[in-house]
mmCIF file of all heavy atoms, coordinates in Angstrom:
data_MODEL
# 
_entry.id   MODEL 
# 
loop_
_atom_site.group_PDB 
_atom_site.id 
_atom_site.type_symbol 
_atom_site.label_atom_id 
_atom_site.label_alt_id 
_atom_site.label_comp_id 
_atom_site.label_asym_id 
_atom_site.label_entity_id 
_atom_site.label_seq_id 
_atom_site.pdbx_PDB_ins_code 
_atom_site.Cartn_x 
_atom_site.Cartn_y 
_atom_site.Cartn_z 
_atom_site.occupancy 
_atom_site.B_iso_or_equiv 
_atom_site.pdbx_formal_charge 
_atom_site.auth_seq_id 
_atom_site.auth_comp_id 
_atom_site.auth_asym_id 
_atom_site.auth_atom_id 
_atom_site.pdbx_PDB_model_num 
ATOM 1   N N   . VAL A 1 1  ? -6.406 -4.833  -4.839  1.00 0.00 ? 1  VAL A N   1 
ATOM 2   C CA  . VAL A 1 1  ? -5.080 -4.440  -4.344  1.00 0.00 ? 1  VAL A CA  1 
ATOM 3   C C   . VAL A 1 1  ? -5.113 -4.226  -2.841  1.00 0.00 ? 1  VAL A C   1 
ATOM 4   O O   . VAL A 1 1  ? -4.351 -4.807  -2.051  1.00 0.00 ? 1  VAL A O   1 
ATOM 5   C CB  . VAL A 1 1  ? -4.567 -3.185  -5.062  1.00 0.00 ? 1  VAL A CB  1 
ATOM 6   C CG1 . VAL A 1 1  ? -3.342 -2.638  -4.330  1.00 0.00 ? 1  VAL A CG1 1 
ATOM 7   C CG2 . VAL A 1 1  ? -4.241 -3.493  -6.511  1.00 0.00 ? 1  VAL A CG2 1 
ATOM 8   N N   . GLN A 1 2  ? -6.023 -3.354  -2.376  1.00 0.00 ? 2  GLN A N   1 
ATOM 9   C CA  . GLN A 1 2  ? -5.982 -2.936  -1.000  1.00 0.00 ? 2  GLN A CA  1 
ATOM 10  C C   . GLN A 1 2  ? -6.341 -4.086  -0.057  1.00 0.00 ? 2  GLN A C   1 
ATOM 11  O O   . GLN A 1 2  ? -5.818 -4.174  1.071   1.00 0.00 ? 2  GLN A O   1 
ATOM 12  C CB  . GLN A 1 2  ? -6.927 -1.746  -0.740  1.00 0.00 ? 2  GLN A CB  1 
ATOM 13  C CG  . GLN A 1 2  ? -6.613 -0.971  0.521   1.00 0.00 ? 2  GLN A CG  1 
ATOM 14  C CD  . GLN A 1 2  ? -5.171 -0.434  0.523   1.00 0.00 ? 2  GLN A CD  1 
ATOM 15  O OE1 . GLN A 1 2  ? -4.717 0.183   -0.440  1.00 0.00 ? 2  GLN A OE1 1 
ATOM 16  N NE2 . GLN A 1 2  ? -4.445 -0.681  1.610   1.00 0.00 ? 2  GLN A NE2 1 
ATOM 17  N N   . ASP A 1 3  ? -7.173 -5.005  -0.498  1.00 0.00 ? 3  ASP A N   1 
ATOM 18  C CA  . ASP A 1 3  ? -7.506 -6.165  0.323   1.00 0.00 ? 3  ASP A CA  1 
ATOM 19  C C   . ASP A 1 3  ? -6.273 -7.002  0.576   1.00 0.00 ? 3  ASP A C   1 
ATOM 20  O O   . ASP A 1 3  ? -6.009 -7.395  1.733   1.00 0.00 ? 3  ASP A O   1 
ATOM 21  C CB  . ASP A 1 3  ? -8.587 -7.008  -0.363  1.00 0.00 ? 3  ASP A CB  1 
ATOM 22  C CG  . ASP A 1 3  ? -8.942 -8.211  0.462   1.00 0.00 ? 3  ASP A CG  1 
ATOM 23  O OD1 . ASP A 1 3  ? -9.360 -8.069  1.628   1.00 0.00 ? 3  ASP A OD1 1 
ATOM 24  O OD2 . ASP A 1 3  ? -8.828 -9.342  -0.092  1.00 0.00 ? 3  ASP A OD2 1 
ATOM 25  N N   . SER A 1 4  ? -5.484 -7.279  -0.468  1.00 0.00 ? 4  SER A N   1 
ATOM 26  C CA  . SER A 1 4  ? -4.260 -8.087  -0.284  1.00 0.00 ? 4  SER A CA  1 
ATOM 27  C C   . SER A 1 4  ? -3.253 -7.329  0.586   1.00 0.00 ? 4  SER A C   1 
ATOM 28  O O   . SER A 1 4  ? -2.617 -7.929  1.454   1.00 0.00 ? 4  SER A O   1 
ATOM 29  C CB  . SER A 1 4  ? -3.667 -8.404  -1.646  1.00 0.00 ? 4  SER A CB  1 
ATOM 30  O OG  . SER A 1 4  ? -4.498 -9.241  -2.406  1.00 0.00 ? 4  SER A OG  1 
ATOM 31  N N   . VAL A 1 5  ? -3.083 -6.030  0.326   1.00 0.00 ? 5  VAL A N   1 
ATOM 32  C CA  . VAL A 1 5  ? -2.181 -5.231  1.121   1.00 0.00 ? 5  VAL A CA  1 
ATOM 33  C C   . VAL A 1 5  ? -2.550 -5.264  2.601   1.00 0.00 ? 5  VAL A C   1 
ATOM 34  O O   . VAL A 1 5  ? -1.710 -5.488  3.469   1.00 0.00 ? 5  VAL A O   1 
ATOM 35  C CB  . VAL A 1 5  ? -2.078 -3.797  0.601   1.00 0.00 ? 5  VAL A CB  1 
ATOM 36  C CG1 . VAL A 1 5  ? -1.346 -2.893  1.585   1.00 0.00 ? 5  VAL A CG1 1 
ATOM 37  C CG2 . VAL A 1 5  ? -1.419 -3.739  -0.759  1.00 0.00 ? 5  VAL A CG2 1 
ATOM 38  N N   . ASP A 1 6  ? -3.817 -5.053  2.871   1.00 0.00 ? 6  ASP A N   1 
ATOM 39  C CA  . ASP A 1 6  ? -4.286 -5.015  4.246   1.00 0.00 ? 6  ASP A CA  1 
ATOM 40  C C   . ASP A 1 6  ? -4.039 -6.358  4.976   1.00 0.00 ? 6  ASP A C   1 
ATOM 41  O O   . ASP A 1 6  ? -3.652 -6.394  6.139   1.00 0.00 ? 6  ASP A O   1 
ATOM 42  C CB  . ASP A 1 6  ? -5.756 -4.670  4.330   1.00 0.00 ? 6  ASP A CB  1 
ATOM 43  C CG  . ASP A 1 6  ? -6.040 -3.210  3.946   1.00 0.00 ? 6  ASP A CG  1 
ATOM 44  O OD1 . ASP A 1 6  ? -5.076 -2.406  3.932   1.00 0.00 ? 6  ASP A OD1 1 
ATOM 45  O OD2 . ASP A 1 6  ? -7.210 -2.872  3.673   1.00 0.00 ? 6  ASP A OD2 1 
ATOM 46  N N   . ARG A 1 7  ? -4.281 -7.441  4.272   1.00 0.00 ? 7  ARG A N   1 
ATOM 47  C CA  . ARG A 1 7  ? -4.133 -8.773  4.886   1.00 0.00 ? 7  ARG A CA  1 
ATOM 48  C C   . ARG A 1 7  ? -2.639 -9.044  5.196   1.00 0.00 ? 7  ARG A C   1 
ATOM 49  O O   . ARG A 1 7  ? -2.290 -9.530  6.266   1.00 0.00 ? 7  ARG A O   1 
ATOM 50  C CB  . ARG A 1 7  ? -4.661 -9.843  3.964   1.00 0.00 ? 7  ARG A CB  1 
ATOM 51  C CG  . ARG A 1 7  ? -6.164 -9.830  3.830   1.00 0.00 ? 7  ARG A CG  1 
ATOM 52  C CD  . ARG A 1 7  ? -6.662 -10.806 2.744   1.00 0.00 ? 7  ARG A CD  1 
ATOM 53  N NE  . ARG A 1 7  ? -6.345 -12.200 3.101   1.00 0.00 ? 7  ARG A NE  1 
ATOM 54  C CZ  . ARG A 1 7  ? -6.534 -13.210 2.250   1.00 0.00 ? 7  ARG A CZ  1 
ATOM 55  N NH1 . ARG A 1 7  ? -6.949 -12.999 1.016   1.00 0.00 ? 7  ARG A NH1 1 
ATOM 56  N NH2 . ARG A 1 7  ? -6.228 -14.448 2.642   1.00 0.00 ? 7  ARG A NH2 1 
ATOM 57  N N   . ILE A 1 8  ? -1.769 -8.661  4.270   1.00 0.00 ? 8  ILE A N   1 
ATOM 58  C CA  . ILE A 1 8  ? -0.347 -8.880  4.484   1.00 0.00 ? 8  ILE A CA  1 
ATOM 59  C C   . ILE A 1 8  ? 0.200  -8.023  5.624   1.00 0.00 ? 8  ILE A C   1 
ATOM 60  O O   . ILE A 1 8  ? 0.881  -8.484  6.502   1.00 0.00 ? 8  ILE A O   1 
ATOM 61  C CB  . ILE A 1 8  ? 0.426  -8.591  3.191   1.00 0.00 ? 8  ILE A CB  1 
ATOM 62  C CG1 . ILE A 1 8  ? 0.100  -9.668  2.127   1.00 0.00 ? 8  ILE A CG1 1 
ATOM 63  C CG2 . ILE A 1 8  ? 1.933  -8.582  3.422   1.00 0.00 ? 8  ILE A CG2 1 
ATOM 64  C CD1 . ILE A 1 8  ? 0.566  -9.298  0.722   1.00 0.00 ? 8  ILE A CD1 1 
ATOM 65  N N   . VAL A 1 9  ? -0.191 -6.748  5.629   1.00 0.00 ? 9  VAL A N   1 
ATOM 66  C CA  . VAL A 1 9  ? 0.316  -5.819  6.642   1.00 0.00 ? 9  VAL A CA  1 
ATOM 67  C C   . VAL A 1 9  ? -0.209 -6.209  8.003   1.00 0.00 ? 9  VAL A C   1 
ATOM 68  O O   . VAL A 1 9  ? 0.503  -6.139  9.014   1.00 0.00 ? 9  VAL A O   1 
ATOM 69  C CB  . VAL A 1 9  ? -0.058 -4.382  6.284   1.00 0.00 ? 9  VAL A CB  1 
ATOM 70  C CG1 . VAL A 1 9  ? 0.268  -3.419  7.431   1.00 0.00 ? 9  VAL A CG1 1 
ATOM 71  C CG2 . VAL A 1 9  ? 0.691  -3.940  5.009   1.00 0.00 ? 9  VAL A CG2 1 
ATOM 72  N N   . ALA A 1 10 ? -1.461 -6.632  8.094   1.00 0.00 ? 10 ALA A N   1 
ATOM 73  C CA  . ALA A 1 10 ? -2.047 -7.032  9.385   1.00 0.00 ? 10 ALA A CA  1 
ATOM 74  C C   . ALA A 1 10 ? -1.321 -8.222  9.976   1.00 0.00 ? 10 ALA A C   1 
ATOM 75  O O   . ALA A 1 10 ? -1.281 -8.385  11.206  1.00 0.00 ? 10 ALA A O   1 
ATOM 76  C CB  . ALA A 1 10 ? -3.542 -7.361  9.198   1.00 0.00 ? 10 ALA A CB  1 
ATOM 77  N N   . ALA A 1 11 ? -0.726 -9.064  9.150   1.00 0.00 ? 11 ALA A N   1 
ATOM 78  C CA  . ALA A 1 11 ? 0.016  -10.245 9.627   1.00 0.00 ? 11 ALA A CA  1 
ATOM 79  C C   . ALA A 1 11 ? 1.476  -9.906  9.910   1.00 0.00 ? 11 ALA A C   1 
ATOM 80  O O   . ALA A 1 11 ? 2.234  -10.785 10.283  1.00 0.00 ? 11 ALA A O   1 
ATOM 81  C CB  . ALA A 1 11 ? -0.095 -11.354 8.611   1.00 0.00 ? 11 ALA A CB  1 
ATOM 82  N N   . GLY A 1 12 ? 1.891  -8.657  9.704   1.00 0.00 ? 12 GLY A N   1 
ATOM 83  C CA  . GLY A 1 12 ? 3.260  -8.277  9.956   1.00 0.00 ? 12 GLY A CA  1 
ATOM 84  C C   . GLY A 1 12 ? 4.149  -8.325  8.729   1.00 0.00 ? 12 GLY A C   1 
ATOM 85  O O   . GLY A 1 12 ? 5.373  -8.188  8.815   1.00 0.00 ? 12 GLY A O   1 
ATOM 86  N N   . GLY A 1 13 ? 3.537  -8.515  7.534   1.00 0.00 ? 13 GLY A N   1 
ATOM 87  C CA  . GLY A 1 13 ? 4.292  -8.539  6.294   1.00 0.00 ? 13 GLY A CA  1 
ATOM 88  C C   . GLY A 1 13 ? 4.390  -7.148  5.690   1.00 0.00 ? 13 GLY A C   1 
ATOM 89  O O   . GLY A 1 13 ? 3.883  -6.159  6.231   1.00 0.00 ? 13 GLY A O   1 
ATOM 90  N N   . LEU A 1 14 ? 5.017  -7.086  4.502   1.00 0.00 ? 14 LEU A N   1 
ATOM 91  C CA  . LEU A 1 14 ? 5.275  -5.811  3.864   1.00 0.00 ? 14 LEU A CA  1 
ATOM 92  C C   . LEU A 1 14 ? 4.689  -5.805  2.454   1.00 0.00 ? 14 LEU A C   1 
ATOM 93  O O   . LEU A 1 14 ? 5.092  -6.620  1.594   1.00 0.00 ? 14 LEU A O   1 
ATOM 94  C CB  . LEU A 1 14 ? 6.771  -5.544  3.809   1.00 0.00 ? 14 LEU A CB  1 
ATOM 95  C CG  . LEU A 1 14 ? 7.456  -5.374  5.169   1.00 0.00 ? 14 LEU A CG  1 
ATOM 96  C CD1 . LEU A 1 14 ? 8.953  -5.393  5.034   1.00 0.00 ? 14 LEU A CD1 1 
ATOM 97  C CD2 . LEU A 1 14 ? 6.992  -4.070  5.789   1.00 0.00 ? 14 LEU A CD2 1 
ATOM 98  N N   . ALA A 1 15 ? 3.782  -4.864  2.219   1.00 0.00 ? 15 ALA A N   1 
ATOM 99  C CA  . ALA A 1 15 ? 3.200  -4.708  0.893   1.00 0.00 ? 15 ALA A CA  1 
ATOM 100 C C   . ALA A 1 15 ? 2.586  -3.313  0.780   1.00 0.00 ? 15 ALA A C   1 
ATOM 101 O O   . ALA A 1 15 ? 2.175  -2.741  1.789   1.00 0.00 ? 15 ALA A O   1 
ATOM 102 C CB  . ALA A 1 15 ? 2.095  -5.761  0.654   1.00 0.00 ? 15 ALA A CB  1 
ATOM 103 N N   . VAL A 1 16 ? 2.609  -2.767  -0.428  1.00 0.00 ? 16 VAL A N   1 
ATOM 104 C CA  . VAL A 1 16 ? 1.983  -1.453  -0.679  1.00 0.00 ? 16 VAL A CA  1 
ATOM 105 C C   . VAL A 1 16 ? 1.261  -1.511  -2.008  1.00 0.00 ? 16 VAL A C   1 
ATOM 106 O O   . VAL A 1 16 ? 1.587  -2.324  -2.875  1.00 0.00 ? 16 VAL A O   1 
ATOM 107 C CB  . VAL A 1 16 ? 3.020  -0.307  -0.704  1.00 0.00 ? 16 VAL A CB  1 
ATOM 108 C CG1 . VAL A 1 16 ? 3.772  -0.185  0.609   1.00 0.00 ? 16 VAL A CG1 1 
ATOM 109 C CG2 . VAL A 1 16 ? 4.006  -0.467  -1.882  1.00 0.00 ? 16 VAL A CG2 1 
ATOM 110 N N   . ALA A 1 17 ? 0.288  -0.634  -2.160  1.00 0.00 ? 17 ALA A N   1 
ATOM 111 C CA  . ALA A 1 17 ? -0.338 -0.437  -3.453  1.00 0.00 ? 17 ALA A CA  1 
ATOM 112 C C   . ALA A 1 17 ? 0.579  0.385   -4.339  1.00 0.00 ? 17 ALA A C   1 
ATOM 113 O O   . ALA A 1 17 ? 1.202  1.337   -3.838  1.00 0.00 ? 17 ALA A O   1 
ATOM 114 C CB  . ALA A 1 17 ? -1.676 0.268   -3.281  1.00 0.00 ? 17 ALA A CB  1 
ATOM 115 N N   . VAL A 1 18 ? 0.681  0.024   -5.601  1.00 0.00 ? 18 VAL A N   1 
ATOM 116 C CA  . VAL A 1 18 ? 1.469  0.827   -6.545  1.00 0.00 ? 18 VAL A CA  1 
ATOM 117 C C   . VAL A 1 18 ? 0.600  2.001   -6.964  1.00 0.00 ? 18 VAL A C   1 
ATOM 118 O O   . VAL A 1 18 ? -0.503 1.860   -7.449  1.00 0.00 ? 18 VAL A O   1 
ATOM 119 C CB  . VAL A 1 18 ? 1.846  0.004   -7.767  1.00 0.00 ? 18 VAL A CB  1 
ATOM 120 C CG1 . VAL A 1 18 ? 2.573  0.864   -8.809  1.00 0.00 ? 18 VAL A CG1 1 
ATOM 121 C CG2 . VAL A 1 18 ? 2.718  -1.181  -7.357  1.00 0.00 ? 18 VAL A CG2 1 
ATOM 122 N N   . ARG A 1 19 ? 1.104  3.218   -6.750  1.00 0.00 ? 19 ARG A N   1 
ATOM 123 C CA  . ARG A 1 19 ? 0.340  4.426   -7.022  1.00 0.00 ? 19 ARG A CA  1 
ATOM 124 C C   . ARG A 1 19 ? 1.067  5.324   -7.996  1.00 0.00 ? 19 ARG A C   1 
ATOM 125 O O   . ARG A 1 19 ? 2.280  5.212   -8.227  1.00 0.00 ? 19 ARG A O   1 
ATOM 126 C CB  . ARG A 1 19 ? 0.080  5.208   -5.704  1.00 0.00 ? 19 ARG A CB  1 
ATOM 127 C CG  . ARG A 1 19 ? -0.597 4.378   -4.637  1.00 0.00 ? 19 ARG A CG  1 
ATOM 128 C CD  . ARG A 1 19 ? -1.016 5.253   -3.448  1.00 0.00 ? 19 ARG A CD  1 
ATOM 129 N NE  . ARG A 1 19 ? -1.483 4.466   -2.334  1.00 0.00 ? 19 ARG A NE  1 
ATOM 130 C CZ  . ARG A 1 19 ? -2.700 3.929   -2.239  1.00 0.00 ? 19 ARG A CZ  1 
ATOM 131 N NH1 . ARG A 1 19 ? -3.556 4.091   -3.242  1.00 0.00 ? 19 ARG A NH1 1 
ATOM 132 N NH2 . ARG A 1 19 ? -3.034 3.223   -1.180  1.00 0.00 ? 19 ARG A NH2 1 
ATOM 133 N N   . ARG A 1 20 ? 0.311  6.265   -8.566  1.00 0.00 ? 20 ARG A N   1 
ATOM 134 C CA  . ARG A 1 20 ? 0.916  7.294   -9.375  1.00 0.00 ? 20 ARG A CA  1 
ATOM 135 C C   . ARG A 1 20 ? 1.282  8.456   -8.470  1.00 0.00 ? 20 ARG A C   1 
ATOM 136 O O   . ARG A 1 20 ? 0.753  8.624   -7.378  1.00 0.00 ? 20 ARG A O   1 
ATOM 137 C CB  . ARG A 1 20 ? -0.017 7.741   -10.510 1.00 0.00 ? 20 ARG A CB  1 
ATOM 138 C CG  . ARG A 1 20 ? -0.308 6.585   -11.480 1.00 0.00 ? 20 ARG A CG  1 
ATOM 139 C CD  . ARG A 1 20 ? -1.005 7.009   -12.741 1.00 0.00 ? 20 ARG A CD  1 
ATOM 140 N NE  . ARG A 1 20 ? -1.258 5.844   -13.590 1.00 0.00 ? 20 ARG A NE  1 
ATOM 141 C CZ  . ARG A 1 20 ? -0.418 5.390   -14.501 1.00 0.00 ? 20 ARG A CZ  1 
ATOM 142 N NH1 . ARG A 1 20 ? 0.747  5.998   -14.682 1.00 0.00 ? 20 ARG A NH1 1 
ATOM 143 N NH2 . ARG A 1 20 ? -0.729 4.343   -15.232 1.00 0.00 ? 20 ARG A NH2 1 
ATOM 144 N N   . GLU A 1 21 ? 2.230  9.288   -8.901  1.00 0.00 ? 21 GLU A N   1 
ATOM 145 C CA  . GLU A 1 21 ? 2.732  10.343  -8.047  1.00 0.00 ? 21 GLU A CA  1 
ATOM 146 C C   . GLU A 1 21 ? 1.663  11.350  -7.685  1.00 0.00 ? 21 GLU A C   1 
ATOM 147 O O   . GLU A 1 21 ? 0.715  11.580  -8.438  1.00 0.00 ? 21 GLU A O   1 
ATOM 148 C CB  . GLU A 1 21 ? 3.943  11.057  -8.694  1.00 0.00 ? 21 GLU A CB  1 
ATOM 149 C CG  . GLU A 1 21 ? 3.583  11.905  -9.873  1.00 0.00 ? 21 GLU A CG  1 
ATOM 150 C CD  . GLU A 1 21 ? 4.811  12.660  -10.379 1.00 0.00 ? 21 GLU A CD  1 
ATOM 151 O OE1 . GLU A 1 21 ? 5.530  13.313  -9.588  1.00 0.00 ? 21 GLU A OE1 1 
ATOM 152 O OE2 . GLU A 1 21 ? 5.048  12.632  -11.643 1.00 0.00 ? 21 GLU A OE2 1 
ATOM 153 N N   . ASN A 1 22 ? 1.838  11.942  -6.535  1.00 0.00 ? 22 ASN A N   1 
ATOM 154 C CA  . ASN A 1 22 ? 0.943  13.024  -6.056  1.00 0.00 ? 22 ASN A CA  1 
ATOM 155 C C   . ASN A 1 22 ? 1.841  14.253  -5.863  1.00 0.00 ? 22 ASN A C   1 
ATOM 156 O O   . ASN A 1 22 ? 2.412  14.462  -4.796  1.00 0.00 ? 22 ASN A O   1 
ATOM 157 C CB  . ASN A 1 22 ? 0.293  12.604  -4.743  1.00 0.00 ? 22 ASN A CB  1 
ATOM 158 C CG  . ASN A 1 22 ? -0.665 13.636  -4.213  1.00 0.00 ? 22 ASN A CG  1 
ATOM 159 O OD1 . ASN A 1 22 ? -0.597 14.811  -4.587  1.00 0.00 ? 22 ASN A OD1 1 
ATOM 160 N ND2 . ASN A 1 22 ? -1.543 13.228  -3.295  1.00 0.00 ? 22 ASN A ND2 1 
ATOM 161 N N   . PRO A 1 23 ? 1.947  15.099  -6.897  1.00 0.00 ? 23 PRO A N   1 
ATOM 162 C CA  . PRO A 1 23 ? 2.872  16.250  -6.796  1.00 0.00 ? 23 PRO A CA  1 
ATOM 163 C C   . PRO A 1 23 ? 2.589  17.175  -5.626  1.00 0.00 ? 23 PRO A C   1 
ATOM 164 O O   . PRO A 1 23 ? 3.519  17.728  -5.054  1.00 0.00 ? 23 PRO A O   1 
ATOM 165 C CB  . PRO A 1 23 ? 2.658  16.968  -8.130  1.00 0.00 ? 23 PRO A CB  1 
ATOM 166 C CG  . PRO A 1 23 ? 2.182  15.895  -9.072  1.00 0.00 ? 23 PRO A CG  1 
ATOM 167 C CD  . PRO A 1 23 ? 1.312  14.993  -8.226  1.00 0.00 ? 23 PRO A CD  1 
ATOM 168 N N   . ASP A 1 24 ? 1.318  17.339  -5.270  1.00 0.00 ? 24 ASP A N   1 
ATOM 169 C CA  . ASP A 1 24 ? 0.996  18.225  -4.136  1.00 0.00 ? 24 ASP A CA  1 
ATOM 170 C C   . ASP A 1 24 ? 1.561  17.667  -2.831  1.00 0.00 ? 24 ASP A C   1 
ATOM 171 O O   . ASP A 1 24 ? 2.122  18.399  -1.986  1.00 0.00 ? 24 ASP A O   1 
ATOM 172 C CB  . ASP A 1 24 ? -0.531 18.403  -4.004  1.00 0.00 ? 24 ASP A CB  1 
ATOM 173 C CG  . ASP A 1 24 ? -1.098 19.225  -5.153  1.00 0.00 ? 24 ASP A CG  1 
ATOM 174 O OD1 . ASP A 1 24 ? -0.315 19.955  -5.809  1.00 0.00 ? 24 ASP A OD1 1 
ATOM 175 O OD2 . ASP A 1 24 ? -2.310 19.126  -5.412  1.00 0.00 ? 24 ASP A OD2 1 
ATOM 176 N N   . HIS A 1 25 ? 1.451  16.371  -2.646  1.00 0.00 ? 25 HIS A N   1 
ATOM 177 C CA  . HIS A 1 25 ? 1.962  15.739  -1.419  1.00 0.00 ? 25 HIS A CA  1 
ATOM 178 C C   . HIS A 1 25 ? 3.481  15.844  -1.405  1.00 0.00 ? 25 HIS A C   1 
ATOM 179 O O   . HIS A 1 25 ? 4.072  16.153  -0.344  1.00 0.00 ? 25 HIS A O   1 
ATOM 180 C CB  . HIS A 1 25 ? 1.540  14.265  -1.351  1.00 0.00 ? 25 HIS A CB  1 
ATOM 181 C CG  . HIS A 1 25 ? 2.042  13.549  -0.152  1.00 0.00 ? 25 HIS A CG  1 
ATOM 182 N ND1 . HIS A 1 25 ? 1.753  13.940  1.129   1.00 0.00 ? 25 HIS A ND1 1 
ATOM 183 C CD2 . HIS A 1 25 ? 2.860  12.459  -0.032  1.00 0.00 ? 25 HIS A CD2 1 
ATOM 184 C CE1 . HIS A 1 25 ? 2.337  13.123  2.009   1.00 0.00 ? 25 HIS A CE1 1 
ATOM 185 N NE2 . HIS A 1 25 ? 3.020  12.237  1.318   1.00 0.00 ? 25 HIS A NE2 1 
ATOM 186 N N   . ASP A 1 26 ? 4.124  15.618  -2.521  1.00 0.00 ? 26 ASP A N   1 
ATOM 187 C CA  . ASP A 1 26 ? 5.589  15.722  -2.567  1.00 0.00 ? 26 ASP A CA  1 
ATOM 188 C C   . ASP A 1 26 ? 6.053  17.144  -2.303  1.00 0.00 ? 26 ASP A C   1 
ATOM 189 O O   . ASP A 1 26 ? 7.082  17.355  -1.624  1.00 0.00 ? 26 ASP A O   1 
ATOM 190 C CB  . ASP A 1 26 ? 6.105  15.256  -3.925  1.00 0.00 ? 26 ASP A CB  1 
ATOM 191 C CG  . ASP A 1 26 ? 5.959  13.738  -4.064  1.00 0.00 ? 26 ASP A CG  1 
ATOM 192 O OD1 . ASP A 1 26 ? 6.375  12.992  -3.160  1.00 0.00 ? 26 ASP A OD1 1 
ATOM 193 O OD2 . ASP A 1 26 ? 5.410  13.299  -5.102  1.00 0.00 ? 26 ASP A OD2 1 
# 
């Protein structure tokens, strides 16, 4: 996942990893 996300974002595209919620961060 992160490899694909990093490649897309580095080229100016938009992608994120799908994650589960982090209640502490929220």
